[in-house]
N, C-alpha and C. Protein backbone atom coordinates (compact mmCIF):
# COMPACT_ATOMS: atom_id res chain seq x y z
N MET A 1 -152.44 102.39 31.59
CA MET A 1 -152.86 103.29 30.52
C MET A 1 -152.77 104.73 31.02
N ILE A 2 -152.19 105.58 30.21
CA ILE A 2 -152.20 107.03 30.43
C ILE A 2 -153.05 107.64 29.33
N ASP A 3 -154.07 108.37 29.71
CA ASP A 3 -155.04 108.91 28.77
C ASP A 3 -155.13 110.42 28.97
N LEU A 4 -154.70 111.16 27.98
CA LEU A 4 -154.59 112.62 28.13
C LEU A 4 -155.64 113.37 27.33
N HIS A 5 -156.76 112.71 27.03
CA HIS A 5 -157.84 113.37 26.28
C HIS A 5 -159.15 112.69 26.65
N THR A 6 -159.88 113.30 27.59
CA THR A 6 -161.17 112.76 28.02
C THR A 6 -162.15 113.90 28.29
N HIS A 7 -163.44 113.53 28.36
CA HIS A 7 -164.49 114.54 28.55
C HIS A 7 -165.45 114.13 29.67
N THR A 8 -165.89 115.12 30.41
CA THR A 8 -166.87 114.93 31.47
C THR A 8 -168.15 115.66 31.09
N LEU A 9 -169.10 115.70 32.03
CA LEU A 9 -170.34 116.41 31.72
C LEU A 9 -170.18 117.94 31.74
N PHE A 10 -168.95 118.41 31.99
CA PHE A 10 -168.70 119.83 31.80
C PHE A 10 -168.65 120.21 30.32
N SER A 11 -168.59 119.19 29.43
CA SER A 11 -168.81 119.45 28.00
C SER A 11 -169.78 118.40 27.50
N ASP A 12 -169.36 117.51 26.62
CA ASP A 12 -170.30 116.53 26.07
C ASP A 12 -170.06 115.12 26.56
N GLY A 13 -169.32 114.97 27.65
CA GLY A 13 -169.20 113.67 28.29
C GLY A 13 -170.42 113.38 29.15
N VAL A 14 -170.52 112.16 29.63
CA VAL A 14 -171.71 111.76 30.39
C VAL A 14 -171.42 111.54 31.87
N LEU A 15 -170.16 111.63 32.28
CA LEU A 15 -169.80 111.34 33.66
C LEU A 15 -169.29 112.58 34.39
N LEU A 16 -169.58 112.63 35.68
CA LEU A 16 -168.91 113.59 36.55
C LEU A 16 -167.42 113.28 36.57
N PRO A 17 -166.58 114.28 36.84
CA PRO A 17 -165.15 113.98 36.97
C PRO A 17 -164.86 112.87 37.97
N SER A 18 -165.57 112.85 39.09
CA SER A 18 -165.32 111.83 40.11
C SER A 18 -165.62 110.43 39.59
N GLU A 19 -166.69 110.26 38.82
CA GLU A 19 -166.99 108.93 38.30
C GLU A 19 -166.04 108.54 37.18
N LEU A 20 -165.68 109.49 36.34
CA LEU A 20 -164.72 109.18 35.28
C LEU A 20 -163.40 108.71 35.88
N VAL A 21 -162.94 109.40 36.91
CA VAL A 21 -161.69 109.01 37.56
C VAL A 21 -161.81 107.62 38.18
N GLN A 22 -162.91 107.35 38.86
CA GLN A 22 -163.08 106.04 39.48
C GLN A 22 -163.15 104.93 38.44
N ARG A 23 -163.86 105.17 37.36
CA ARG A 23 -163.95 104.14 36.32
C ARG A 23 -162.60 103.94 35.64
N ALA A 24 -161.85 105.02 35.47
CA ALA A 24 -160.51 104.89 34.89
C ALA A 24 -159.60 104.07 35.80
N TYR A 25 -159.69 104.31 37.09
CA TYR A 25 -158.90 103.54 38.06
C TYR A 25 -159.29 102.05 37.98
N HIS A 26 -160.57 101.80 37.92
CA HIS A 26 -161.05 100.41 37.84
C HIS A 26 -160.59 99.74 36.55
N ALA A 27 -160.41 100.54 35.48
CA ALA A 27 -159.96 100.01 34.20
C ALA A 27 -158.45 99.84 34.13
N GLY A 28 -157.75 100.18 35.20
CA GLY A 28 -156.32 99.97 35.24
C GLY A 28 -155.47 101.16 34.83
N TYR A 29 -156.07 102.34 34.77
CA TYR A 29 -155.33 103.53 34.38
C TYR A 29 -154.30 103.91 35.44
N LYS A 30 -153.21 104.56 34.97
CA LYS A 30 -152.23 105.17 35.86
C LYS A 30 -152.43 106.68 35.94
N ALA A 31 -152.93 107.28 34.86
CA ALA A 31 -153.08 108.74 34.82
C ALA A 31 -154.17 109.10 33.84
N ILE A 32 -154.82 110.22 34.11
CA ILE A 32 -155.89 110.71 33.25
C ILE A 32 -155.90 112.22 33.25
N ALA A 33 -156.13 112.81 32.09
CA ALA A 33 -156.32 114.26 31.99
C ALA A 33 -157.78 114.53 31.66
N LEU A 34 -158.34 115.50 32.34
CA LEU A 34 -159.72 115.94 32.11
C LEU A 34 -159.66 117.13 31.16
N THR A 35 -160.09 116.92 29.92
CA THR A 35 -159.86 117.93 28.88
C THR A 35 -161.17 118.24 28.15
N ASP A 36 -162.08 118.88 28.86
CA ASP A 36 -163.37 119.16 28.24
C ASP A 36 -163.27 120.18 27.10
N HIS A 37 -164.26 120.12 26.21
CA HIS A 37 -164.32 121.05 25.09
C HIS A 37 -164.50 122.48 25.59
N MET A 38 -163.74 123.40 24.98
CA MET A 38 -163.83 124.80 25.38
C MET A 38 -163.62 125.71 24.19
N ASP A 39 -164.26 126.88 24.29
CA ASP A 39 -163.94 128.00 23.41
C ASP A 39 -163.97 129.25 24.28
N MET A 40 -164.07 130.41 23.65
CA MET A 40 -164.03 131.66 24.41
C MET A 40 -165.25 131.84 25.32
N SER A 41 -166.32 131.08 25.08
CA SER A 41 -167.55 131.27 25.83
C SER A 41 -167.55 130.59 27.20
N ASN A 42 -166.74 129.54 27.37
CA ASN A 42 -166.83 128.76 28.60
C ASN A 42 -165.50 128.45 29.27
N ILE A 43 -164.40 128.89 28.69
CA ILE A 43 -163.10 128.51 29.21
C ILE A 43 -162.89 128.98 30.63
N ASP A 44 -163.38 130.19 30.95
CA ASP A 44 -163.19 130.72 32.30
C ASP A 44 -164.11 130.05 33.32
N PHE A 45 -165.11 129.33 32.86
CA PHE A 45 -166.00 128.58 33.75
C PHE A 45 -165.49 127.17 33.98
N VAL A 46 -165.08 126.50 32.90
CA VAL A 46 -164.78 125.07 32.98
C VAL A 46 -163.40 124.79 33.56
N VAL A 47 -162.37 125.49 33.11
CA VAL A 47 -161.03 125.14 33.58
C VAL A 47 -160.91 125.21 35.11
N PRO A 48 -161.37 126.28 35.76
CA PRO A 48 -161.23 126.30 37.23
C PRO A 48 -161.95 125.14 37.92
N ARG A 49 -163.06 124.68 37.36
CA ARG A 49 -163.78 123.57 37.97
C ARG A 49 -163.04 122.25 37.77
N LEU A 50 -162.40 122.09 36.62
CA LEU A 50 -161.59 120.89 36.42
C LEU A 50 -160.34 120.93 37.31
N VAL A 51 -159.78 122.11 37.50
CA VAL A 51 -158.64 122.26 38.40
C VAL A 51 -159.03 121.83 39.81
N LYS A 52 -160.18 122.30 40.27
CA LYS A 52 -160.64 121.95 41.61
C LYS A 52 -160.93 120.45 41.72
N ALA A 53 -161.60 119.91 40.71
CA ALA A 53 -161.91 118.49 40.73
C ALA A 53 -160.63 117.65 40.77
N ALA A 54 -159.66 118.01 39.93
CA ALA A 54 -158.41 117.25 39.90
C ALA A 54 -157.68 117.35 41.23
N ARG A 55 -157.66 118.54 41.82
CA ARG A 55 -156.97 118.72 43.10
C ARG A 55 -157.64 117.91 44.21
N ASP A 56 -158.95 118.02 44.30
CA ASP A 56 -159.67 117.33 45.38
C ASP A 56 -159.62 115.81 45.20
N LEU A 57 -159.83 115.35 43.97
CA LEU A 57 -159.83 113.90 43.74
C LEU A 57 -158.44 113.30 43.93
N SER A 58 -157.40 114.06 43.62
CA SER A 58 -156.04 113.55 43.76
C SER A 58 -155.70 113.19 45.20
N GLU A 59 -156.39 113.80 46.16
CA GLU A 59 -156.15 113.50 47.56
C GLU A 59 -156.71 112.14 47.97
N HIS A 60 -157.54 111.56 47.10
CA HIS A 60 -158.23 110.32 47.46
C HIS A 60 -158.09 109.23 46.39
N SER A 61 -157.21 109.44 45.43
CA SER A 61 -157.05 108.48 44.33
C SER A 61 -155.57 108.26 44.05
N PRO A 62 -155.18 107.03 43.74
CA PRO A 62 -153.79 106.76 43.36
C PRO A 62 -153.46 107.22 41.94
N LEU A 63 -154.47 107.61 41.17
CA LEU A 63 -154.22 108.08 39.81
C LEU A 63 -153.58 109.46 39.82
N ALA A 64 -152.77 109.73 38.79
CA ALA A 64 -152.38 111.10 38.49
C ALA A 64 -153.53 111.72 37.71
N ILE A 65 -154.13 112.77 38.26
CA ILE A 65 -155.31 113.42 37.67
C ILE A 65 -154.91 114.83 37.27
N ILE A 66 -155.01 115.13 35.98
CA ILE A 66 -154.48 116.38 35.46
C ILE A 66 -155.61 117.22 34.87
N PRO A 67 -155.75 118.46 35.32
CA PRO A 67 -156.74 119.34 34.71
C PRO A 67 -156.25 119.85 33.36
N GLY A 68 -157.16 119.86 32.39
CA GLY A 68 -156.75 120.28 31.06
C GLY A 68 -157.85 120.99 30.31
N ALA A 69 -157.70 121.06 29.01
CA ALA A 69 -158.67 121.72 28.14
C ALA A 69 -158.49 121.18 26.74
N GLU A 70 -159.60 121.09 26.02
CA GLU A 70 -159.52 120.84 24.57
C GLU A 70 -160.15 122.04 23.88
N ILE A 71 -159.32 122.86 23.24
CA ILE A 71 -159.79 124.01 22.49
C ILE A 71 -160.44 123.47 21.21
N THR A 72 -161.73 123.77 21.02
CA THR A 72 -162.52 123.03 20.05
C THR A 72 -163.27 123.94 19.07
N HIS A 73 -163.08 123.70 17.77
CA HIS A 73 -163.78 124.41 16.70
C HIS A 73 -163.66 125.93 16.85
N VAL A 74 -162.50 126.38 17.27
CA VAL A 74 -162.23 127.81 17.43
C VAL A 74 -161.57 128.33 16.15
N PRO A 75 -161.93 129.51 15.68
CA PRO A 75 -161.23 130.07 14.52
C PRO A 75 -159.72 130.05 14.75
N PRO A 76 -158.95 129.64 13.76
CA PRO A 76 -157.51 129.51 13.96
C PRO A 76 -156.82 130.74 14.54
N ALA A 77 -157.28 131.92 14.16
CA ALA A 77 -156.65 133.14 14.65
C ALA A 77 -156.80 133.33 16.16
N LEU A 78 -157.76 132.62 16.77
CA LEU A 78 -158.00 132.77 18.21
C LEU A 78 -157.40 131.66 19.05
N ILE A 79 -156.85 130.65 18.41
CA ILE A 79 -156.38 129.48 19.15
C ILE A 79 -155.24 129.82 20.09
N SER A 80 -154.28 130.57 19.63
CA SER A 80 -153.12 130.88 20.47
C SER A 80 -153.53 131.58 21.76
N THR A 81 -154.43 132.54 21.65
CA THR A 81 -154.89 133.27 22.84
C THR A 81 -155.57 132.34 23.82
N LEU A 82 -156.39 131.41 23.32
CA LEU A 82 -157.10 130.49 24.20
C LEU A 82 -156.17 129.47 24.84
N VAL A 83 -155.13 129.07 24.13
CA VAL A 83 -154.14 128.17 24.74
C VAL A 83 -153.49 128.86 25.93
N VAL A 84 -153.12 130.12 25.75
CA VAL A 84 -152.53 130.88 26.85
C VAL A 84 -153.53 131.04 27.99
N ASN A 85 -154.78 131.37 27.65
CA ASN A 85 -155.81 131.54 28.68
C ASN A 85 -156.00 130.26 29.49
N ALA A 86 -156.05 129.12 28.78
CA ALA A 86 -156.25 127.85 29.47
C ALA A 86 -155.13 127.60 30.48
N ARG A 87 -153.92 127.86 30.07
CA ARG A 87 -152.78 127.63 30.97
C ARG A 87 -152.81 128.61 32.14
N ASP A 88 -153.16 129.85 31.86
CA ASP A 88 -153.24 130.84 32.94
C ASP A 88 -154.29 130.46 33.98
N LEU A 89 -155.36 129.79 33.53
CA LEU A 89 -156.43 129.37 34.42
C LEU A 89 -156.12 128.07 35.17
N GLY A 90 -155.04 127.43 34.80
CA GLY A 90 -154.62 126.24 35.52
C GLY A 90 -154.61 124.95 34.76
N ALA A 91 -154.92 124.96 33.46
CA ALA A 91 -154.85 123.73 32.66
C ALA A 91 -153.40 123.29 32.52
N ARG A 92 -153.14 122.02 32.83
CA ARG A 92 -151.78 121.49 32.76
C ARG A 92 -151.51 120.75 31.46
N ILE A 93 -152.56 120.30 30.80
CA ILE A 93 -152.48 119.68 29.48
C ILE A 93 -153.44 120.42 28.57
N VAL A 94 -152.93 121.02 27.51
CA VAL A 94 -153.79 121.73 26.57
C VAL A 94 -153.79 120.99 25.24
N VAL A 95 -154.98 120.55 24.88
CA VAL A 95 -155.23 119.84 23.63
C VAL A 95 -155.97 120.79 22.69
N VAL A 96 -155.66 120.73 21.41
CA VAL A 96 -156.46 121.44 20.42
C VAL A 96 -157.12 120.41 19.51
N HIS A 97 -158.41 120.58 19.31
CA HIS A 97 -159.24 119.70 18.48
C HIS A 97 -158.82 119.86 17.02
N GLY A 98 -158.14 118.84 16.50
CA GLY A 98 -157.56 118.94 15.17
C GLY A 98 -158.56 118.72 14.04
N GLU A 99 -158.03 118.72 12.83
CA GLU A 99 -158.85 118.68 11.61
C GLU A 99 -159.28 117.25 11.28
N THR A 100 -160.02 116.66 12.20
CA THR A 100 -160.53 115.31 12.00
C THR A 100 -161.34 115.20 10.72
N VAL A 101 -161.30 114.02 10.11
CA VAL A 101 -162.11 113.77 8.92
C VAL A 101 -163.58 113.57 9.28
N ALA A 102 -163.89 113.47 10.57
CA ALA A 102 -165.25 113.18 11.01
C ALA A 102 -166.08 114.42 11.28
N GLU A 103 -165.47 115.61 11.24
CA GLU A 103 -166.18 116.86 11.54
C GLU A 103 -165.68 117.98 10.64
N PRO A 104 -166.49 119.02 10.44
CA PRO A 104 -166.08 120.13 9.56
C PRO A 104 -165.22 121.16 10.29
N VAL A 105 -164.03 120.76 10.71
CA VAL A 105 -163.12 121.66 11.41
C VAL A 105 -162.55 122.68 10.42
N ILE A 106 -162.38 123.91 10.88
CA ILE A 106 -161.89 124.99 10.02
C ILE A 106 -160.48 124.67 9.52
N PRO A 107 -160.27 124.71 8.20
CA PRO A 107 -158.91 124.51 7.67
C PRO A 107 -157.94 125.52 8.28
N GLY A 108 -156.74 125.05 8.56
CA GLY A 108 -155.75 125.90 9.22
C GLY A 108 -155.69 125.69 10.72
N THR A 109 -156.64 124.91 11.25
CA THR A 109 -156.64 124.64 12.69
C THR A 109 -155.40 123.86 13.12
N ASN A 110 -155.01 122.86 12.35
CA ASN A 110 -153.82 122.09 12.71
C ASN A 110 -152.60 123.00 12.83
N ARG A 111 -152.39 123.83 11.84
CA ARG A 111 -151.22 124.71 11.85
C ARG A 111 -151.27 125.68 13.02
N ALA A 112 -152.44 126.27 13.27
CA ALA A 112 -152.58 127.23 14.37
C ALA A 112 -152.33 126.55 15.71
N ALA A 113 -152.81 125.33 15.87
CA ALA A 113 -152.60 124.59 17.12
C ALA A 113 -151.11 124.33 17.37
N ILE A 114 -150.42 123.95 16.32
CA ILE A 114 -148.99 123.67 16.44
C ILE A 114 -148.22 124.96 16.73
N GLU A 115 -148.54 126.01 16.02
CA GLU A 115 -147.86 127.29 16.24
C GLU A 115 -148.12 127.83 17.65
N SER A 116 -149.27 127.49 18.23
CA SER A 116 -149.62 127.97 19.56
C SER A 116 -148.83 127.26 20.66
N GLY A 117 -148.20 126.13 20.32
CA GLY A 117 -147.47 125.37 21.32
C GLY A 117 -148.35 124.55 22.23
N ALA A 118 -149.52 124.14 21.73
CA ALA A 118 -150.37 123.22 22.50
C ALA A 118 -149.59 121.95 22.80
N ASP A 119 -150.01 121.23 23.82
CA ASP A 119 -149.32 119.99 24.17
C ASP A 119 -149.63 118.87 23.18
N ILE A 120 -150.91 118.78 22.79
CA ILE A 120 -151.36 117.69 21.92
C ILE A 120 -152.29 118.25 20.85
N LEU A 121 -152.08 117.83 19.62
CA LEU A 121 -153.03 118.08 18.53
C LEU A 121 -153.84 116.80 18.38
N SER A 122 -155.10 116.85 18.78
CA SER A 122 -155.92 115.65 18.77
C SER A 122 -156.42 115.35 17.36
N HIS A 123 -156.57 114.04 17.10
CA HIS A 123 -157.12 113.55 15.83
C HIS A 123 -156.93 114.53 14.67
N PRO A 124 -155.67 114.71 14.20
CA PRO A 124 -155.39 115.75 13.21
C PRO A 124 -155.74 115.40 11.78
N GLY A 125 -156.48 114.34 11.57
CA GLY A 125 -157.00 114.03 10.23
C GLY A 125 -155.89 113.84 9.20
N LEU A 126 -156.08 114.45 8.06
CA LEU A 126 -155.11 114.31 6.96
C LEU A 126 -154.05 115.39 7.08
N ILE A 127 -153.39 115.44 8.21
CA ILE A 127 -152.38 116.46 8.48
C ILE A 127 -151.29 116.41 7.42
N SER A 128 -150.83 117.58 7.02
CA SER A 128 -149.79 117.66 5.99
C SER A 128 -148.43 117.31 6.56
N ILE A 129 -147.53 116.92 5.69
CA ILE A 129 -146.16 116.64 6.10
C ILE A 129 -145.53 117.90 6.69
N GLU A 130 -145.83 119.05 6.08
CA GLU A 130 -145.27 120.31 6.57
C GLU A 130 -145.71 120.60 8.00
N ASP A 131 -146.99 120.39 8.28
CA ASP A 131 -147.48 120.63 9.64
C ASP A 131 -146.92 119.60 10.62
N ALA A 132 -146.80 118.37 10.19
CA ALA A 132 -146.21 117.36 11.07
C ALA A 132 -144.75 117.69 11.38
N ALA A 133 -144.02 118.17 10.39
CA ALA A 133 -142.63 118.57 10.62
C ALA A 133 -142.55 119.73 11.61
N LEU A 134 -143.49 120.65 11.52
CA LEU A 134 -143.52 121.77 12.46
C LEU A 134 -143.86 121.27 13.87
N ALA A 135 -144.75 120.29 13.95
CA ALA A 135 -145.06 119.70 15.25
C ALA A 135 -143.82 119.06 15.87
N ALA A 136 -143.03 118.38 15.05
CA ALA A 136 -141.80 117.78 15.54
C ALA A 136 -140.85 118.86 16.06
N GLU A 137 -140.77 119.96 15.33
CA GLU A 137 -139.87 121.07 15.72
C GLU A 137 -140.32 121.71 17.03
N LYS A 138 -141.62 121.86 17.20
CA LYS A 138 -142.14 122.57 18.36
C LYS A 138 -142.49 121.66 19.53
N GLY A 139 -142.36 120.37 19.35
CA GLY A 139 -142.65 119.45 20.44
C GLY A 139 -144.12 119.26 20.73
N VAL A 140 -144.96 119.40 19.71
CA VAL A 140 -146.39 119.16 19.86
C VAL A 140 -146.68 117.72 19.46
N ALA A 141 -147.30 116.98 20.36
CA ALA A 141 -147.58 115.57 20.09
C ALA A 141 -148.81 115.42 19.20
N LEU A 142 -148.73 114.49 18.26
CA LEU A 142 -149.87 114.16 17.39
C LEU A 142 -150.58 112.95 17.98
N GLU A 143 -151.89 113.02 17.98
CA GLU A 143 -152.68 111.97 18.64
C GLU A 143 -153.09 110.85 17.70
N ILE A 144 -152.84 109.63 18.15
CA ILE A 144 -153.50 108.45 17.61
C ILE A 144 -154.68 108.19 18.54
N THR A 145 -155.87 108.05 17.97
CA THR A 145 -157.07 108.03 18.80
C THR A 145 -157.81 106.70 18.73
N ALA A 146 -158.41 106.36 19.84
CA ALA A 146 -159.26 105.16 19.90
C ALA A 146 -160.69 105.46 19.53
N ARG A 147 -161.02 106.73 19.30
CA ARG A 147 -162.42 107.11 19.12
C ARG A 147 -162.92 106.84 17.70
N LYS A 148 -164.10 106.25 17.64
CA LYS A 148 -164.73 105.94 16.36
C LYS A 148 -164.88 107.20 15.52
N GLY A 149 -164.68 107.09 14.23
CA GLY A 149 -164.78 108.24 13.33
C GLY A 149 -163.45 108.97 13.24
N HIS A 150 -163.00 109.54 14.35
CA HIS A 150 -161.71 110.23 14.37
C HIS A 150 -160.58 109.27 14.01
N SER A 151 -160.73 108.00 14.36
CA SER A 151 -159.65 107.03 14.16
C SER A 151 -159.45 106.63 12.70
N LEU A 152 -160.35 107.07 11.82
CA LEU A 152 -160.23 106.70 10.40
C LEU A 152 -158.90 107.14 9.80
N SER A 153 -158.33 108.22 10.32
CA SER A 153 -157.08 108.74 9.75
C SER A 153 -155.85 108.36 10.57
N ASN A 154 -156.00 107.43 11.51
CA ASN A 154 -154.84 107.05 12.34
C ASN A 154 -153.64 106.60 11.50
N GLY A 155 -153.90 105.83 10.46
CA GLY A 155 -152.81 105.34 9.64
C GLY A 155 -152.04 106.47 8.98
N HIS A 156 -152.77 107.48 8.48
CA HIS A 156 -152.11 108.62 7.86
C HIS A 156 -151.31 109.40 8.89
N VAL A 157 -151.91 109.64 10.05
CA VAL A 157 -151.21 110.40 11.10
C VAL A 157 -149.92 109.68 11.50
N ALA A 158 -150.00 108.39 11.70
CA ALA A 158 -148.82 107.62 12.07
C ALA A 158 -147.74 107.70 10.99
N LYS A 159 -148.17 107.61 9.75
CA LYS A 159 -147.21 107.64 8.64
C LYS A 159 -146.44 108.94 8.59
N VAL A 160 -147.16 110.07 8.64
CA VAL A 160 -146.46 111.35 8.54
C VAL A 160 -145.66 111.65 9.80
N ALA A 161 -146.15 111.18 10.94
CA ALA A 161 -145.38 111.38 12.18
C ALA A 161 -144.06 110.63 12.10
N MET A 162 -144.08 109.40 11.62
CA MET A 162 -142.84 108.63 11.51
C MET A 162 -141.92 109.21 10.45
N MET A 163 -142.48 109.80 9.39
CA MET A 163 -141.67 110.42 8.36
C MET A 163 -140.94 111.66 8.87
N THR A 164 -141.59 112.41 9.75
CA THR A 164 -141.07 113.70 10.18
C THR A 164 -140.44 113.69 11.56
N GLY A 165 -140.62 112.62 12.30
CA GLY A 165 -140.09 112.57 13.65
C GLY A 165 -140.98 113.21 14.68
N ALA A 166 -142.23 113.50 14.34
CA ALA A 166 -143.17 114.07 15.30
C ALA A 166 -143.52 113.04 16.36
N ALA A 167 -143.61 113.48 17.60
CA ALA A 167 -144.00 112.59 18.69
C ALA A 167 -145.47 112.22 18.55
N MET A 168 -145.80 111.00 18.94
CA MET A 168 -147.20 110.56 18.97
C MET A 168 -147.59 110.16 20.38
N VAL A 169 -148.87 110.31 20.67
CA VAL A 169 -149.46 109.77 21.89
C VAL A 169 -150.75 109.06 21.49
N ILE A 170 -151.21 108.16 22.35
CA ILE A 170 -152.50 107.53 22.10
C ILE A 170 -153.45 107.88 23.23
N ASN A 171 -154.65 108.36 22.86
CA ASN A 171 -155.70 108.74 23.79
C ASN A 171 -157.02 108.14 23.35
N THR A 172 -158.00 108.20 24.26
CA THR A 172 -159.30 107.64 23.92
C THR A 172 -160.32 108.67 23.46
N ASP A 173 -160.14 109.95 23.86
CA ASP A 173 -161.20 110.94 23.62
C ASP A 173 -162.50 110.44 24.24
N SER A 174 -162.39 109.87 25.43
CA SER A 174 -163.55 109.26 26.07
C SER A 174 -164.65 110.27 26.36
N HIS A 175 -165.88 109.85 26.05
CA HIS A 175 -167.07 110.62 26.41
C HIS A 175 -167.96 109.83 27.38
N GLY A 176 -167.71 108.55 27.51
CA GLY A 176 -168.49 107.70 28.40
C GLY A 176 -167.64 106.54 28.87
N PRO A 177 -168.12 105.77 29.84
CA PRO A 177 -167.32 104.69 30.42
C PRO A 177 -166.93 103.61 29.41
N GLU A 178 -167.75 103.43 28.39
CA GLU A 178 -167.46 102.40 27.39
C GLU A 178 -166.26 102.76 26.52
N ASP A 179 -165.82 104.01 26.57
CA ASP A 179 -164.71 104.46 25.73
C ASP A 179 -163.34 104.19 26.35
N LEU A 180 -163.28 103.95 27.64
CA LEU A 180 -162.01 103.70 28.30
C LEU A 180 -161.41 102.38 27.81
N ILE A 181 -160.11 102.35 27.66
CA ILE A 181 -159.45 101.15 27.12
C ILE A 181 -158.27 100.75 28.00
N SER A 182 -157.84 99.52 27.83
CA SER A 182 -156.66 99.02 28.54
C SER A 182 -155.40 99.40 27.75
N ARG A 183 -154.27 99.26 28.41
CA ARG A 183 -152.99 99.48 27.73
C ARG A 183 -152.80 98.47 26.60
N ALA A 184 -153.25 97.25 26.82
CA ALA A 184 -153.14 96.23 25.78
C ALA A 184 -153.96 96.61 24.55
N ARG A 185 -155.16 97.13 24.78
CA ARG A 185 -155.99 97.57 23.67
C ARG A 185 -155.35 98.75 22.94
N ALA A 186 -154.74 99.66 23.69
CA ALA A 186 -154.05 100.78 23.07
C ALA A 186 -152.93 100.29 22.16
N ALA A 187 -152.22 99.26 22.59
CA ALA A 187 -151.15 98.71 21.76
C ALA A 187 -151.69 98.13 20.46
N VAL A 188 -152.85 97.50 20.53
CA VAL A 188 -153.48 96.96 19.32
C VAL A 188 -153.83 98.09 18.36
N ILE A 189 -154.38 99.18 18.88
CA ILE A 189 -154.75 100.32 18.03
C ILE A 189 -153.52 100.92 17.38
N LEU A 190 -152.43 101.00 18.11
CA LEU A 190 -151.18 101.53 17.53
C LEU A 190 -150.67 100.63 16.43
N ARG A 191 -150.70 99.33 16.65
CA ARG A 191 -150.25 98.40 15.61
C ARG A 191 -151.15 98.49 14.38
N ALA A 192 -152.45 98.64 14.61
CA ALA A 192 -153.38 98.75 13.49
C ALA A 192 -153.15 100.01 12.67
N ALA A 193 -152.56 101.03 13.28
CA ALA A 193 -152.24 102.27 12.57
C ALA A 193 -150.95 102.15 11.76
N GLY A 194 -150.29 101.01 11.84
CA GLY A 194 -149.07 100.80 11.08
C GLY A 194 -147.81 101.11 11.85
N ILE A 195 -147.91 101.24 13.15
CA ILE A 195 -146.75 101.56 13.98
C ILE A 195 -146.02 100.28 14.35
N PRO A 196 -144.73 100.20 14.10
CA PRO A 196 -143.99 98.96 14.40
C PRO A 196 -144.02 98.63 15.88
N GLU A 197 -143.98 97.36 16.17
CA GLU A 197 -144.03 96.89 17.56
C GLU A 197 -142.95 97.55 18.41
N GLU A 198 -141.76 97.73 17.83
CA GLU A 198 -140.65 98.27 18.61
C GLU A 198 -140.81 99.76 18.93
N SER A 199 -141.77 100.42 18.30
CA SER A 199 -142.00 101.85 18.57
C SER A 199 -143.11 102.10 19.57
N ILE A 200 -143.85 101.08 19.94
CA ILE A 200 -145.04 101.27 20.78
C ILE A 200 -144.66 101.77 22.17
N GLU A 201 -143.60 101.22 22.75
CA GLU A 201 -143.20 101.68 24.09
C GLU A 201 -142.78 103.14 24.08
N THR A 202 -142.21 103.60 22.97
CA THR A 202 -141.83 105.01 22.86
C THR A 202 -143.06 105.90 22.90
N ILE A 203 -144.14 105.46 22.27
CA ILE A 203 -145.37 106.25 22.27
C ILE A 203 -145.97 106.31 23.67
N PHE A 204 -145.97 105.20 24.37
CA PHE A 204 -146.44 105.22 25.76
C PHE A 204 -145.54 106.14 26.60
N ALA A 205 -144.25 106.12 26.33
CA ALA A 205 -143.32 106.97 27.08
C ALA A 205 -143.57 108.45 26.80
N ASN A 206 -144.02 108.77 25.59
CA ASN A 206 -144.33 110.17 25.27
C ASN A 206 -145.43 110.71 26.19
N SER A 207 -146.42 109.88 26.47
CA SER A 207 -147.48 110.29 27.38
C SER A 207 -146.93 110.51 28.79
N GLN A 208 -146.04 109.64 29.21
CA GLN A 208 -145.42 109.80 30.54
C GLN A 208 -144.64 111.11 30.61
N LYS A 209 -143.94 111.46 29.53
CA LYS A 209 -143.19 112.71 29.51
C LYS A 209 -144.12 113.92 29.65
N LEU A 210 -145.29 113.85 29.02
CA LEU A 210 -146.24 114.96 29.15
C LEU A 210 -146.78 115.05 30.58
N ILE A 211 -146.96 113.90 31.23
CA ILE A 211 -147.36 113.89 32.64
C ILE A 211 -146.30 114.59 33.48
N GLU A 212 -145.05 114.27 33.24
CA GLU A 212 -143.95 114.86 34.00
C GLU A 212 -143.86 116.35 33.73
N LYS A 213 -144.03 116.75 32.48
CA LYS A 213 -144.04 118.18 32.15
C LYS A 213 -145.17 118.90 32.85
N ALA A 214 -146.35 118.28 32.86
CA ALA A 214 -147.51 118.90 33.53
C ALA A 214 -147.23 119.10 35.01
N GLY A 215 -146.51 118.17 35.62
CA GLY A 215 -146.19 118.27 37.03
C GLY A 215 -145.22 119.38 37.34
N ARG A 216 -144.42 119.78 36.34
CA ARG A 216 -143.44 120.85 36.56
C ARG A 216 -144.05 122.23 36.34
N ASN A 217 -145.18 122.28 35.62
CA ASN A 217 -145.78 123.58 35.29
C ASN A 217 -146.54 124.17 36.48
């Protein structure tokens, strides 16, 4: 399993980075990104600490551990600046918290995230065909999520992604150890979203491509 959207106690997760990484390894993961919630108030505090944690833990773990960020509930006009800031501070995977049906995210967030060139638009809710087409053009991956509540719109996200050619990835949005899943479970979630069996390996490969891109940055 490659999971590019997780949280530690640097935001609203319950585990230290070290324990999250160890539990992910025990669950059979190959790679994990630490992508705590951030806005303008904490980005300069959290990203450097995740960078340090990922660097130090990578010396003692077979997992690929990637420092990242999830830009969360930020006014759309500020998203692009924060994406740049996150990368400048060392985030290798930048996620933007999309317009999930489970939270009152500001309308226009999906479009701003895509225009900013974020790596992943997480749980984008009832994303429009136009925004999905732009994601395909700009190479922004749309997330299929294992997380309760956010996953309600997985079927819609999968449908518009397949219509427009937008890349998809599957992540857990883990906040605690019970949220980690196996690769087999991820495949079940993808099938439940209406994704054909023959496309599932492509989605897993999309996550691998983002890992490789992160390694080049």
